[in-house]
């Protein structure tokens, strides 16, 4: 089992990445990513509560497990964030925007995938 400091570090990085991903989805997404936007916003609120209140290692681990489950729910086999990408007419702009998106999603998968 991880110690409290390690869990809090994971949760903090997750919150930062969730905020970046939510920003992209709010700017670029349509109705098909509404579920993911709601989950991200909910998870950010949960994480803010964790950082604003003193929690023990068991509570932090419970939040981490809850966040992992929520994160996985945003990537169903079809739809959701599984098929989301940023569209730009200009190929280079599209490539750069999606590289940034892929980097965020890859790091989130590393953090929250079992």
PDB file of N, CA and C in Angstrom:
ATOM      1  N   UNK A   1       0.844  -1.191   0.000  1.00  0.00           N
ATOM      2  CA  UNK A   1       0.000   0.000   0.000  1.00  0.00           C
ATOM      3  C   UNK A   1       0.888   1.252   0.000  1.00  0.00           C
ATOM      4  N   UNK A   2       0.453   2.239  -0.724  1.00  0.00           N
ATOM      5  CA  UNK A   2       1.201   3.490  -0.828  1.00  0.00           C
ATOM      6  C   UNK A   2       1.014   4.303   0.457  1.00  0.00           C
ATOM      7  N   UNK A   3       1.984   5.157   0.744  1.00  0.00           N
ATOM      8  CA  UNK A   3       1.827   6.023   1.903  1.00  0.00           C
ATOM      9  C   UNK A   3       1.058   7.286   1.505  1.00  0.00           C
ATOM     10  N   UNK A   4       0.651   8.052   2.496  1.00  0.00           N
ATOM     11  CA  UNK A   4      -0.191   9.225   2.265  1.00  0.00           C
ATOM     12  C   UNK A   4       0.473  10.231   1.331  1.00  0.00           C
ATOM     13  N   UNK A   5       1.746  10.485   1.531  1.00  0.00           N
ATOM     14  CA  UNK A   5       2.451  11.468   0.697  1.00  0.00           C
ATOM     15  C   UNK A   5       2.434  11.061  -0.775  1.00  0.00           C
ATOM     16  N   UNK A   6       2.664   9.783  -1.034  1.00  0.00           N
ATOM     17  CA  UNK A   6       2.680   9.279  -2.405  1.00  0.00           C
ATOM     18  C   UNK A   6       1.289   9.380  -3.047  1.00  0.00           C
ATOM     19  N   UNK A   7       0.261   9.017  -2.290  1.00  0.00           N
ATOM     20  CA  UNK A   7      -1.112   9.100  -2.811  1.00  0.00           C
ATOM     21  C   UNK A   7      -1.479  10.548  -3.106  1.00  0.00           C
ATOM     22  N   UNK A   8      -1.135  11.447  -2.194  1.00  0.00           N
ATOM     23  CA  UNK A   8      -1.471  12.862  -2.385  1.00  0.00           C
ATOM     24  C   UNK A   8      -0.741  13.431  -3.601  1.00  0.00           C
ATOM     25  N   UNK A   9       0.479  12.985  -3.837  1.00  0.00           N
ATOM     26  CA  UNK A   9       1.224  13.437  -5.011  1.00  0.00           C
ATOM     27  C   UNK A   9       0.517  12.966  -6.287  1.00  0.00           C
ATOM     28  N   UNK A  10       0.065  11.726  -6.300  1.00  0.00           N
ATOM     29  CA  UNK A  10      -0.675  11.183  -7.441  1.00  0.00           C
ATOM     30  C   UNK A  10      -1.968  11.965  -7.655  1.00  0.00           C
ATOM     31  N   UNK A  11      -2.695  12.197  -6.581  1.00  0.00           N
ATOM     32  CA  UNK A  11      -3.965  12.913  -6.687  1.00  0.00           C
ATOM     33  C   UNK A  11      -3.757  14.346  -7.174  1.00  0.00           C
ATOM     34  N   UNK A  12      -2.703  14.985  -6.713  1.00  0.00           N
ATOM     35  CA  UNK A  12      -2.423  16.353  -7.139  1.00  0.00           C
ATOM     36  C   UNK A  12      -2.117  16.419  -8.630  1.00  0.00           C
ATOM     37  N   UNK A  13      -1.285  15.497  -9.098  1.00  0.00           N
ATOM     38  CA  UNK A  13      -0.972  15.481 -10.543  1.00  0.00           C
ATOM     39  C   UNK A  13      -2.216  15.148 -11.349  1.00  0.00           C
ATOM     40  N   UNK A  14      -3.013  14.214 -10.845  1.00  0.00           N
ATOM     41  CA  UNK A  14      -4.271  13.882 -11.513  1.00  0.00           C
ATOM     42  C   UNK A  14      -5.183  15.084 -11.634  1.00  0.00           C
ATOM     43  N   UNK A  15      -5.267  15.859 -10.570  1.00  0.00           N
ATOM     44  CA  UNK A  15      -6.109  17.066 -10.596  1.00  0.00           C
ATOM     45  C   UNK A  15      -5.614  18.043 -11.655  1.00  0.00           C
ATOM     46  N   UNK A  16      -4.304  18.261 -11.721  1.00  0.00           N
ATOM     47  CA  UNK A  16      -3.748  19.173 -12.726  1.00  0.00           C
ATOM     48  C   UNK A  16      -4.093  18.710 -14.141  1.00  0.00           C
ATOM     49  N   UNK A  17      -3.939  17.412 -14.380  1.00  0.00           N
ATOM     50  CA  UNK A  17      -4.226  16.862 -15.715  1.00  0.00           C
ATOM     51  C   UNK A  17      -5.716  16.891 -16.023  1.00  0.00           C
ATOM     52  N   UNK A  18      -6.553  16.612 -15.019  1.00  0.00           N
ATOM     53  CA  UNK A  18      -8.006  16.701 -15.211  1.00  0.00           C
ATOM     54  C   UNK A  18      -8.403  18.115 -15.607  1.00  0.00           C
ATOM     55  N   UNK A  19      -7.802  19.110 -14.962  1.00  0.00           N
ATOM     56  CA  UNK A  19      -8.119  20.499 -15.288  1.00  0.00           C
ATOM     57  C   UNK A  19      -7.725  20.828 -16.726  1.00  0.00           C
ATOM     58  N   UNK A  20      -6.566  20.349 -17.154  1.00  0.00           N
ATOM     59  CA  UNK A  20      -6.121  20.592 -18.530  1.00  0.00           C
ATOM     60  C   UNK A  20      -7.050  19.904 -19.532  1.00  0.00           C
ATOM     61  N   UNK A  21      -7.417  18.660 -19.226  1.00  0.00           N
ATOM     62  CA  UNK A  21      -8.302  17.917 -20.122  1.00  0.00           C
ATOM     63  C   UNK A  21      -9.683  18.554 -20.172  1.00  0.00           C
ATOM     64  N   UNK A  22     -10.205  18.976 -19.040  1.00  0.00           N
ATOM     65  CA  UNK A  22     -11.513  19.635 -19.013  1.00  0.00           C
ATOM     66  C   UNK A  22     -11.488  20.913 -19.838  1.00  0.00           C
ATOM     67  N   UNK A  23     -10.424  21.676 -19.751  1.00  0.00           N
ATOM     68  CA  UNK A  23     -10.287  22.896 -20.536  1.00  0.00           C
ATOM     69  C   UNK A  23     -10.373  22.579 -22.033  1.00  0.00           C
ATOM     70  N   UNK A  24      -9.664  21.540 -22.461  1.00  0.00           N
ATOM     71  CA  UNK A  24      -9.704  21.142 -23.872  1.00  0.00           C
ATOM     72  C   UNK A  24     -11.110  20.708 -24.271  1.00  0.00           C
ATOM     73  N   UNK A  25     -11.743  19.896 -23.450  1.00  0.00           N
ATOM     74  CA  UNK A  25     -13.085  19.404 -23.782  1.00  0.00           C
ATOM     75  C   UNK A  25     -14.103  20.538 -23.833  1.00  0.00           C
ATOM     76  N   UNK A  26     -13.975  21.501 -22.952  1.00  0.00           N
ATOM     77  CA  UNK A  26     -14.910  22.633 -22.963  1.00  0.00           C
ATOM     78  C   UNK A  26     -14.730  23.484 -24.213  1.00  0.00           C
ATOM     79  N   UNK A  27     -13.512  23.597 -24.700  1.00  0.00           N
ATOM     80  CA  UNK A  27     -13.248  24.396 -25.900  1.00  0.00           C
ATOM     81  C   UNK A  27     -13.528  23.633 -27.187  1.00  0.00           C
ATOM     82  N   UNK A  28     -13.224  22.345 -27.202  1.00  0.00           N
ATOM     83  CA  UNK A  28     -13.221  21.579 -28.450  1.00  0.00           C
ATOM     84  C   UNK A  28     -14.322  20.531 -28.558  1.00  0.00           C
ATOM     85  N   UNK A  29     -14.893  20.143 -27.434  1.00  0.00           N
ATOM     86  CA  UNK A  29     -15.831  19.033 -27.433  1.00  0.00           C
ATOM     87  C   UNK A  29     -17.249  19.429 -27.799  1.00  0.00           C
ATOM     88  N   UNK A  30     -18.037  18.407 -28.100  1.00  0.00           N
ATOM     89  CA  UNK A  30     -19.454  18.610 -28.356  1.00  0.00           C
ATOM     90  C   UNK A  30     -20.240  17.789 -27.336  1.00  0.00           C
ATOM     91  N   UNK A  31     -21.501  17.557 -27.598  1.00  0.00           N
ATOM     92  CA  UNK A  31     -22.363  16.854 -26.654  1.00  0.00           C
ATOM     93  C   UNK A  31     -21.876  15.439 -26.349  1.00  0.00           C
ATOM     94  N   UNK A  32     -21.107  14.853 -27.256  1.00  0.00           N
ATOM     95  CA  UNK A  32     -20.642  13.476 -27.065  1.00  0.00           C
ATOM     96  C   UNK A  32     -19.656  13.334 -25.917  1.00  0.00           C
ATOM     97  N   UNK A  33     -19.077  14.432 -25.459  1.00  0.00           N
ATOM     98  CA  UNK A  33     -18.136  14.360 -24.343  1.00  0.00           C
ATOM     99  C   UNK A  33     -18.705  14.988 -23.067  1.00  0.00           C
ATOM    100  N   UNK A  34     -20.010  15.231 -23.050  1.00  0.00           N
ATOM    101  CA  UNK A  34     -20.633  15.818 -21.860  1.00  0.00           C
ATOM    102  C   UNK A  34     -20.437  14.952 -20.621  1.00  0.00           C
ATOM    103  N   UNK A  35     -20.579  13.629 -20.781  1.00  0.00           N
ATOM    104  CA  UNK A  35     -20.367  12.742 -19.627  1.00  0.00           C
ATOM    105  C   UNK A  35     -18.958  12.929 -19.068  1.00  0.00           C
ATOM    106  N   UNK A  36     -17.969  12.932 -19.941  1.00  0.00           N
ATOM    107  CA  UNK A  36     -16.580  13.096 -19.502  1.00  0.00           C
ATOM    108  C   UNK A  36     -16.375  14.455 -18.833  1.00  0.00           C
ATOM    109  N   UNK A  37     -16.961  15.505 -19.398  1.00  0.00           N
ATOM    110  CA  UNK A  37     -16.827  16.834 -18.787  1.00  0.00           C
ATOM    111  C   UNK A  37     -17.421  16.842 -17.385  1.00  0.00           C
ATOM    112  N   UNK A  38     -18.571  16.220 -17.222  1.00  0.00           N
ATOM    113  CA  UNK A  38     -19.203  16.156 -15.898  1.00  0.00           C
ATOM    114  C   UNK A  38     -18.363  15.353 -14.917  1.00  0.00           C
ATOM    115  N   UNK A  39     -17.820  14.224 -15.368  1.00  0.00           N
ATOM    116  CA  UNK A  39     -16.973  13.392 -14.505  1.00  0.00           C
ATOM    117  C   UNK A  39     -15.701  14.141 -14.114  1.00  0.00           C
ATOM    118  N   UNK A  40     -15.094  14.817 -15.066  1.00  0.00           N
ATOM    119  CA  UNK A  40     -13.882  15.578 -14.767  1.00  0.00           C
ATOM    120  C   UNK A  40     -14.164  16.674 -13.748  1.00  0.00           C
ATOM    121  N   UNK A  41     -15.241  17.414 -13.953  1.00  0.00           N
ATOM    122  CA  UNK A  41     -15.594  18.493 -13.023  1.00  0.00           C
ATOM    123  C   UNK A  41     -15.873  17.923 -11.629  1.00  0.00           C
ATOM    124  N   UNK A  42     -16.587  16.808 -11.570  1.00  0.00           N
ATOM    125  CA  UNK A  42     -16.885  16.164 -10.282  1.00  0.00           C
ATOM    126  C   UNK A  42     -15.589  15.719  -9.605  1.00  0.00           C
ATOM    127  N   UNK A  43     -14.696  15.098 -10.363  1.00  0.00           N
ATOM    128  CA  UNK A  43     -13.435  14.625  -9.789  1.00  0.00           C
ATOM    129  C   UNK A  43     -12.564  15.776  -9.300  1.00  0.00           C
ATOM    130  N   UNK A  44     -12.556  16.861 -10.020  1.00  0.00           N
ATOM    131  CA  UNK A  44     -11.790  18.039  -9.590  1.00  0.00           C
ATOM    132  C   UNK A  44     -12.330  18.547  -8.256  1.00  0.00           C
ATOM    133  N   UNK A  45     -13.660  18.606  -8.122  1.00  0.00           N
ATOM    134  CA  UNK A  45     -14.263  19.036  -6.842  1.00  0.00           C
ATOM    135  C   UNK A  45     -13.888  18.080  -5.703  1.00  0.00           C
ATOM    136  N   UNK A  46     -13.949  16.787  -5.970  1.00  0.00           N
ATOM    137  CA  UNK A  46     -13.582  15.796  -4.949  1.00  0.00           C
ATOM    138  C   UNK A  46     -12.124  15.993  -4.537  1.00  0.00           C
ATOM    139  N   UNK A  47     -11.257  16.181  -5.506  1.00  0.00           N
ATOM    140  CA  UNK A  47      -9.841  16.364  -5.202  1.00  0.00           C
ATOM    141  C   UNK A  47      -9.588  17.657  -4.445  1.00  0.00           C
ATOM    142  N   UNK A  48     -10.297  18.713  -4.789  1.00  0.00           N
ATOM    143  CA  UNK A  48     -10.156  19.968  -4.046  1.00  0.00           C
ATOM    144  C   UNK A  48     -10.564  19.777  -2.595  1.00  0.00           C
ATOM    145  N   UNK A  49     -11.633  19.014  -2.356  1.00  0.00           N
ATOM    146  CA  UNK A  49     -12.047  18.717  -0.985  1.00  0.00           C
ATOM    147  C   UNK A  49     -10.967  17.958  -0.228  1.00  0.00           C
ATOM    148  N   UNK A  50     -10.337  17.001  -0.900  1.00  0.00           N
ATOM    149  CA  UNK A  50      -9.261  16.229  -0.266  1.00  0.00           C
ATOM    150  C   UNK A  50      -8.120  17.151   0.139  1.00  0.00           C
ATOM    151  N   UNK A  51      -7.755  18.077  -0.740  1.00  0.00           N
ATOM    152  CA  UNK A  51      -6.632  18.970  -0.444  1.00  0.00           C
ATOM    153  C   UNK A  51      -6.992  20.045   0.578  1.00  0.00           C
ATOM    154  N   UNK A  52      -8.274  20.353   0.712  1.00  0.00           N
ATOM    155  CA  UNK A  52      -8.701  21.369   1.670  1.00  0.00           C
ATOM    156  C   UNK A  52      -8.993  20.798   3.057  1.00  0.00           C
ATOM    157  N   UNK A  53      -9.036  19.475   3.174  1.00  0.00           N
ATOM    158  CA  UNK A  53      -9.326  18.821   4.445  1.00  0.00           C
ATOM    159  C   UNK A  53      -8.234  17.805   4.748  1.00  0.00           C
ATOM    160  N   UNK A  54      -8.016  17.605   6.018  1.00  0.00           N
ATOM    161  CA  UNK A  54      -7.003  16.620   6.419  1.00  0.00           C
ATOM    162  C   UNK A  54      -7.597  15.225   6.253  1.00  0.00           C
ATOM    163  N   UNK A  55      -6.911  14.389   5.492  1.00  0.00           N
ATOM    164  CA  UNK A  55      -7.364  13.008   5.283  1.00  0.00           C
ATOM    165  C   UNK A  55      -6.257  12.054   5.703  1.00  0.00           C
ATOM    166  N   UNK A  56      -6.662  10.864   6.098  1.00  0.00           N
ATOM    167  CA  UNK A  56      -5.669   9.844   6.425  1.00  0.00           C
ATOM    168  C   UNK A  56      -5.411   8.984   5.195  1.00  0.00           C
ATOM    169  N   UNK A  57      -4.499   8.046   5.318  1.00  0.00           N
ATOM    170  CA  UNK A  57      -4.095   7.244   4.171  1.00  0.00           C
ATOM    171  C   UNK A  57      -5.255   6.405   3.638  1.00  0.00           C
ATOM    172  N   UNK A  58      -6.116   5.896   4.510  1.00  0.00           N
ATOM    173  CA  UNK A  58      -7.252   5.083   4.061  1.00  0.00           C
ATOM    174  C   UNK A  58      -8.237   5.924   3.251  1.00  0.00           C
ATOM    175  N   UNK A  59      -8.517   7.135   3.716  1.00  0.00           N
ATOM    176  CA  UNK A  59      -9.424   8.020   2.983  1.00  0.00           C
ATOM    177  C   UNK A  59      -8.822   8.432   1.635  1.00  0.00           C
ATOM    178  N   UNK A  60      -7.545   8.734   1.628  1.00  0.00           N
ATOM    179  CA  UNK A  60      -6.876   9.116   0.385  1.00  0.00           C
ATOM    180  C   UNK A  60      -6.886   7.953  -0.605  1.00  0.00           C
ATOM    181  N   UNK A  61      -6.654   6.737  -0.120  1.00  0.00           N
ATOM    182  CA  UNK A  61      -6.675   5.566  -0.992  1.00  0.00           C
ATOM    183  C   UNK A  61      -8.082   5.342  -1.547  1.00  0.00           C
ATOM    184  N   UNK A  62      -9.101   5.575  -0.724  1.00  0.00           N
ATOM    185  CA  UNK A  62     -10.493   5.431  -1.174  1.00  0.00           C
ATOM    186  C   UNK A  62     -10.798   6.438  -2.288  1.00  0.00           C
ATOM    187  N   UNK A  63     -10.335   7.667  -2.125  1.00  0.00           N
ATOM    188  CA  UNK A  63     -10.536   8.681  -3.164  1.00  0.00           C
ATOM    189  C   UNK A  63      -9.792   8.279  -4.434  1.00  0.00           C
ATOM    190  N   UNK A  64      -8.569   7.799  -4.300  1.00  0.00           N
ATOM    191  CA  UNK A  64      -7.803   7.355  -5.458  1.00  0.00           C
ATOM    192  C   UNK A  64      -8.538   6.241  -6.201  1.00  0.00           C
ATOM    193  N   UNK A  65      -9.075   5.288  -5.469  1.00  0.00           N
ATOM    194  CA  UNK A  65      -9.825   4.190  -6.088  1.00  0.00           C
ATOM    195  C   UNK A  65     -11.077   4.712  -6.796  1.00  0.00           C
ATOM    196  N   UNK A  66     -11.757   5.660  -6.172  1.00  0.00           N
ATOM    197  CA  UNK A  66     -12.958   6.269  -6.764  1.00  0.00           C
ATOM    198  C   UNK A  66     -12.607   7.016  -8.055  1.00  0.00           C
ATOM    199  N   UNK A  67     -11.512   7.753  -8.031  1.00  0.00           N
ATOM    200  CA  UNK A  67     -11.069   8.511  -9.203  1.00  0.00           C
ATOM    201  C   UNK A  67     -10.691   7.549 -10.333  1.00  0.00           C
ATOM    202  N   UNK A  68     -10.006   6.465 -10.009  1.00  0.00           N
ATOM    203  CA  UNK A  68      -9.642   5.471 -11.024  1.00  0.00           C
ATOM    204  C   UNK A  68     -10.885   4.917 -11.712  1.00  0.00           C
ATOM    205  N   UNK A  69     -11.876   4.570 -10.928  1.00  0.00           N
ATOM    206  CA  UNK A  69     -13.119   4.020 -11.475  1.00  0.00           C
ATOM    207  C   UNK A  69     -13.805   5.041 -12.380  1.00  0.00           C
ATOM    208  N   UNK A  70     -13.869   6.277 -11.929  1.00  0.00           N
ATOM    209  CA  UNK A  70     -14.481   7.346 -12.716  1.00  0.00           C
ATOM    210  C   UNK A  70     -13.710   7.565 -14.015  1.00  0.00           C
ATOM    211  N   UNK A  71     -12.380   7.587 -13.921  1.00  0.00           N
ATOM    212  CA  UNK A  71     -11.548   7.801 -15.110  1.00  0.00           C
ATOM    213  C   UNK A  71     -11.816   6.718 -16.150  1.00  0.00           C
ATOM    214  N   UNK A  72     -11.843   5.483 -15.723  1.00  0.00           N
ATOM    215  CA  UNK A  72     -12.088   4.372 -16.645  1.00  0.00           C
ATOM    216  C   UNK A  72     -13.457   4.487 -17.308  1.00  0.00           C
ATOM    217  N   UNK A  73     -14.432   5.021 -16.583  1.00  0.00           N
ATOM    218  CA  UNK A  73     -15.787   5.144 -17.144  1.00  0.00           C
ATOM    219  C   UNK A  73     -15.853   6.144 -18.295  1.00  0.00           C
ATOM    220  N   UNK A  74     -14.867   7.014 -18.404  1.00  0.00           N
ATOM    221  CA  UNK A  74     -14.847   8.008 -19.475  1.00  0.00           C
ATOM    222  C   UNK A  74     -14.327   7.428 -20.788  1.00  0.00           C
ATOM    223  N   UNK A  75     -13.855   6.175 -20.749  1.00  0.00           N
ATOM    224  CA  UNK A  75     -13.270   5.531 -21.922  1.00  0.00           C
ATOM    225  C   UNK A  75     -13.986   4.218 -22.247  1.00  0.00           C
ATOM    226  N   UNK A  76     -15.264   4.317 -22.616  1.00  0.00           N
ATOM    227  CA  UNK A  76     -15.967   3.091 -23.008  1.00  0.00           C
ATOM    228  C   UNK A  76     -15.398   2.586 -24.344  1.00  0.00           C
ATOM    229  N   UNK A  77     -15.714   1.347 -24.708  1.00  0.00           N
ATOM    230  CA  UNK A  77     -15.197   0.816 -25.979  1.00  0.00           C
ATOM    231  C   UNK A  77     -15.571   1.664 -27.196  1.00  0.00           C
ATOM    232  N   UNK A  78     -16.731   2.260 -27.150  1.00  0.00           N
ATOM    233  CA  UNK A  78     -17.167   3.150 -28.242  1.00  0.00           C
ATOM    234  C   UNK A  78     -17.636   4.464 -27.635  1.00  0.00           C
ATOM    235  N   UNK A  79     -17.258   5.551 -28.273  1.00  0.00           N
ATOM    236  CA  UNK A  79     -17.702   6.859 -27.812  1.00  0.00           C
ATOM    237  C   UNK A  79     -16.846   7.384 -26.669  1.00  0.00           C
ATOM    238  N   UNK A  80     -17.388   8.358 -25.951  1.00  0.00           N
ATOM    239  CA  UNK A  80     -16.661   8.959 -24.847  1.00  0.00           C
ATOM    240  C   UNK A  80     -15.336   9.535 -25.313  1.00  0.00           C
ATOM    241  N   UNK A  81     -14.355   9.471 -24.444  1.00  0.00           N
ATOM    242  CA  UNK A  81     -13.043  10.006 -24.789  1.00  0.00           C
ATOM    243  C   UNK A  81     -12.226   9.038 -25.634  1.00  0.00           C
ATOM    244  N   UNK A  82     -12.724   7.799 -25.778  1.00  0.00           N
ATOM    245  CA  UNK A  82     -12.010   6.819 -26.605  1.00  0.00           C
ATOM    246  C   UNK A  82     -11.861   7.296 -28.041  1.00  0.00           C
ATOM    247  N   UNK A  83     -12.830   8.041 -28.529  1.00  0.00           N
ATOM    248  CA  UNK A  83     -12.827   8.476 -29.927  1.00  0.00           C
ATOM    249  C   UNK A  83     -12.648   9.986 -30.080  1.00  0.00           C
ATOM    250  N   UNK A  84     -12.398  10.689 -28.988  1.00  0.00           N
ATOM    251  CA  UNK A  84     -12.291  12.148 -29.050  1.00  0.00           C
ATOM    252  C   UNK A  84     -10.941  12.584 -29.597  1.00  0.00           C
ATOM    253  N   UNK A  85     -10.972  13.568 -30.464  1.00  0.00           N
ATOM    254  CA  UNK A  85      -9.754  14.214 -30.945  1.00  0.00           C
ATOM    255  C   UNK A  85     -10.092  15.656 -31.288  1.00  0.00           C
ATOM    256  N   UNK A  86      -9.057  16.480 -31.391  1.00  0.00           N
ATOM    257  CA  UNK A  86      -9.224  17.899 -31.721  1.00  0.00           C
ATOM    258  C   UNK A  86      -9.109  18.058 -33.228  1.00  0.00           C
ATOM    259  N   UNK A  87     -10.088  18.739 -33.816  1.00  0.00           N
ATOM    260  CA  UNK A  87     -10.071  18.980 -35.262  1.00  0.00           C
ATOM    261  C   UNK A  87      -9.599  20.391 -35.555  1.00  0.00           C
ATOM    262  N   UNK A  88      -8.690  20.500 -36.474  1.00  0.00           N
ATOM    263  CA  UNK A  88      -8.248  21.778 -37.030  1.00  0.00           C
ATOM    264  C   UNK A  88      -8.124  21.581 -38.533  1.00  0.00           C
ATOM    265  N   UNK A  89      -8.480  22.611 -39.295  1.00  0.00           N
ATOM    266  CA  UNK A  89      -8.320  22.540 -40.751  1.00  0.00           C
ATOM    267  C   UNK A  89      -6.843  22.369 -41.118  1.00  0.00           C
ATOM    268  N   UNK A  90      -5.994  23.127 -40.452  1.00  0.00           N
ATOM    269  CA  UNK A  90      -4.564  23.071 -40.713  1.00  0.00           C
ATOM    270  C   UNK A  90      -3.977  21.809 -40.086  1.00  0.00           C
ATOM    271  N   UNK A  91      -3.310  21.012 -40.910  1.00  0.00           N
ATOM    272  CA  UNK A  91      -2.765  19.727 -40.461  1.00  0.00           C
ATOM    273  C   UNK A  91      -1.797  19.888 -39.289  1.00  0.00           C
ATOM    274  N   UNK A  92      -0.875  20.840 -39.372  1.00  0.00           N
ATOM    275  CA  UNK A  92       0.122  21.033 -38.310  1.00  0.00           C
ATOM    276  C   UNK A  92      -0.546  21.440 -37.000  1.00  0.00           C
ATOM    277  N   UNK A  93      -1.523  22.330 -37.074  1.00  0.00           N
ATOM    278  CA  UNK A  93      -2.259  22.741 -35.875  1.00  0.00           C
ATOM    279  C   UNK A  93      -2.977  21.547 -35.264  1.00  0.00           C
ATOM    280  N   UNK A  94      -3.626  20.743 -36.113  1.00  0.00           N
ATOM    281  CA  UNK A  94      -4.353  19.554 -35.655  1.00  0.00           C
ATOM    282  C   UNK A  94      -3.386  18.566 -35.003  1.00  0.00           C
ATOM    283  N   UNK A  95      -2.238  18.363 -35.636  1.00  0.00           N
ATOM    284  CA  UNK A  95      -1.234  17.448 -35.112  1.00  0.00           C
ATOM    285  C   UNK A  95      -0.747  17.903 -33.735  1.00  0.00           C
ATOM    286  N   UNK A  96      -0.425  19.173 -33.603  1.00  0.00           N
ATOM    287  CA  UNK A  96       0.074  19.709 -32.333  1.00  0.00           C
ATOM    288  C   UNK A  96      -0.988  19.657 -31.244  1.00  0.00           C
ATOM    289  N   UNK A  97      -2.224  20.009 -31.579  1.00  0.00           N
ATOM    290  CA  UNK A  97      -3.305  19.974 -30.590  1.00  0.00           C
ATOM    291  C   UNK A  97      -3.536  18.554 -30.094  1.00  0.00           C
ATOM    292  N   UNK A  98      -3.491  17.599 -30.994  1.00  0.00           N
ATOM    293  CA  UNK A  98      -3.731  16.216 -30.593  1.00  0.00           C
ATOM    294  C   UNK A  98      -2.531  15.592 -29.892  1.00  0.00           C
ATOM    295  N   UNK A  99      -1.327  16.051 -30.183  1.00  0.00           N
ATOM    296  CA  UNK A  99      -0.155  15.590 -29.434  1.00  0.00           C
ATOM    297  C   UNK A  99      -0.288  15.991 -27.974  1.00  0.00           C
ATOM    298  N   UNK A 100      -0.726  17.232 -27.752  1.00  0.00           N
ATOM    299  CA  UNK A 100      -0.924  17.719 -26.386  1.00  0.00           C
ATOM    300  C   UNK A 100      -2.022  16.900 -25.685  1.00  0.00           C
ATOM    301  N   UNK A 101      -3.121  16.682 -26.369  1.00  0.00           N
ATOM    302  CA  UNK A 101      -4.213  15.878 -25.825  1.00  0.00           C
ATOM    303  C   UNK A 101      -3.735  14.464 -25.513  1.00  0.00           C
ATOM    304  N   UNK A 102      -3.013  13.850 -26.426  1.00  0.00           N
ATOM    305  CA  UNK A 102      -2.503  12.487 -26.227  1.00  0.00           C
ATOM    306  C   UNK A 102      -1.560  12.412 -25.030  1.00  0.00           C
ATOM    307  N   UNK A 103      -0.733  13.435 -24.853  1.00  0.00           N
ATOM    308  CA  UNK A 103       0.202  13.460 -23.736  1.00  0.00           C
ATOM    309  C   UNK A 103      -0.558  13.479 -22.412  1.00  0.00           C
ATOM    310  N   UNK A 104      -1.587  14.304 -22.323  1.00  0.00           N
ATOM    311  CA  UNK A 104      -2.402  14.382 -21.108  1.00  0.00           C
ATOM    312  C   UNK A 104      -3.069  13.029 -20.845  1.00  0.00           C
ATOM    313  N   UNK A 105      -3.699  12.472 -21.866  1.00  0.00           N
ATOM    314  CA  UNK A 105      -4.411  11.212 -21.690  1.00  0.00           C
ATOM    315  C   UNK A 105      -3.462  10.066 -21.350  1.00  0.00           C
ATOM    316  N   UNK A 106      -2.289  10.049 -21.953  1.00  0.00           N
ATOM    317  CA  UNK A 106      -1.311   8.997 -21.658  1.00  0.00           C
ATOM    318  C   UNK A 106      -0.854   9.060 -20.209  1.00  0.00           C
ATOM    319  N   UNK A 107      -0.574  10.258 -19.745  1.00  0.00           N
ATOM    320  CA  UNK A 107      -0.142  10.386 -18.350  1.00  0.00           C
ATOM    321  C   UNK A 107      -1.261  10.009 -17.394  1.00  0.00           C
ATOM    322  N   UNK A 108      -2.492  10.383 -17.711  1.00  0.00           N
ATOM    323  CA  UNK A 108      -3.621   9.994 -16.877  1.00  0.00           C
ATOM    324  C   UNK A 108      -3.773   8.469 -16.844  1.00  0.00           C
ATOM    325  N   UNK A 109      -3.596   7.828 -17.983  1.00  0.00           N
ATOM    326  CA  UNK A 109      -3.679   6.358 -18.016  1.00  0.00           C
ATOM    327  C   UNK A 109      -2.575   5.736 -17.148  1.00  0.00           C
ATOM    328  N   UNK A 110      -1.379   6.301 -17.209  1.00  0.00           N
ATOM    329  CA  UNK A 110      -0.288   5.791 -16.384  1.00  0.00           C
ATOM    330  C   UNK A 110      -0.625   5.927 -14.894  1.00  0.00           C
ATOM    331  N   UNK A 111      -1.223   7.041 -14.531  1.00  0.00           N
ATOM    332  CA  UNK A 111      -1.541   7.300 -13.142  1.00  0.00           C
ATOM    333  C   UNK A 111      -2.718   6.451 -12.644  1.00  0.00           C
ATOM    334  N   UNK A 112      -3.775   6.374 -13.456  1.00  0.00           N
ATOM    335  CA  UNK A 112      -5.030   5.810 -12.967  1.00  0.00           C
ATOM    336  C   UNK A 112      -5.381   4.433 -13.511  1.00  0.00           C
ATOM    337  N   UNK A 113      -4.549   3.871 -14.359  1.00  0.00           N
ATOM    338  CA  UNK A 113      -4.816   2.519 -14.839  1.00  0.00           C
ATOM    339  C   UNK A 113      -4.189   1.516 -13.882  1.00  0.00           C
ATOM    340  N   UNK A 114      -4.846   0.417 -13.704  1.00  0.00           N
ATOM    341  CA  UNK A 114      -4.303  -0.619 -12.799  1.00  0.00           C
ATOM    342  C   UNK A 114      -3.316  -1.492 -13.526  1.00  0.00           C
TER     343      UNK A 114
END
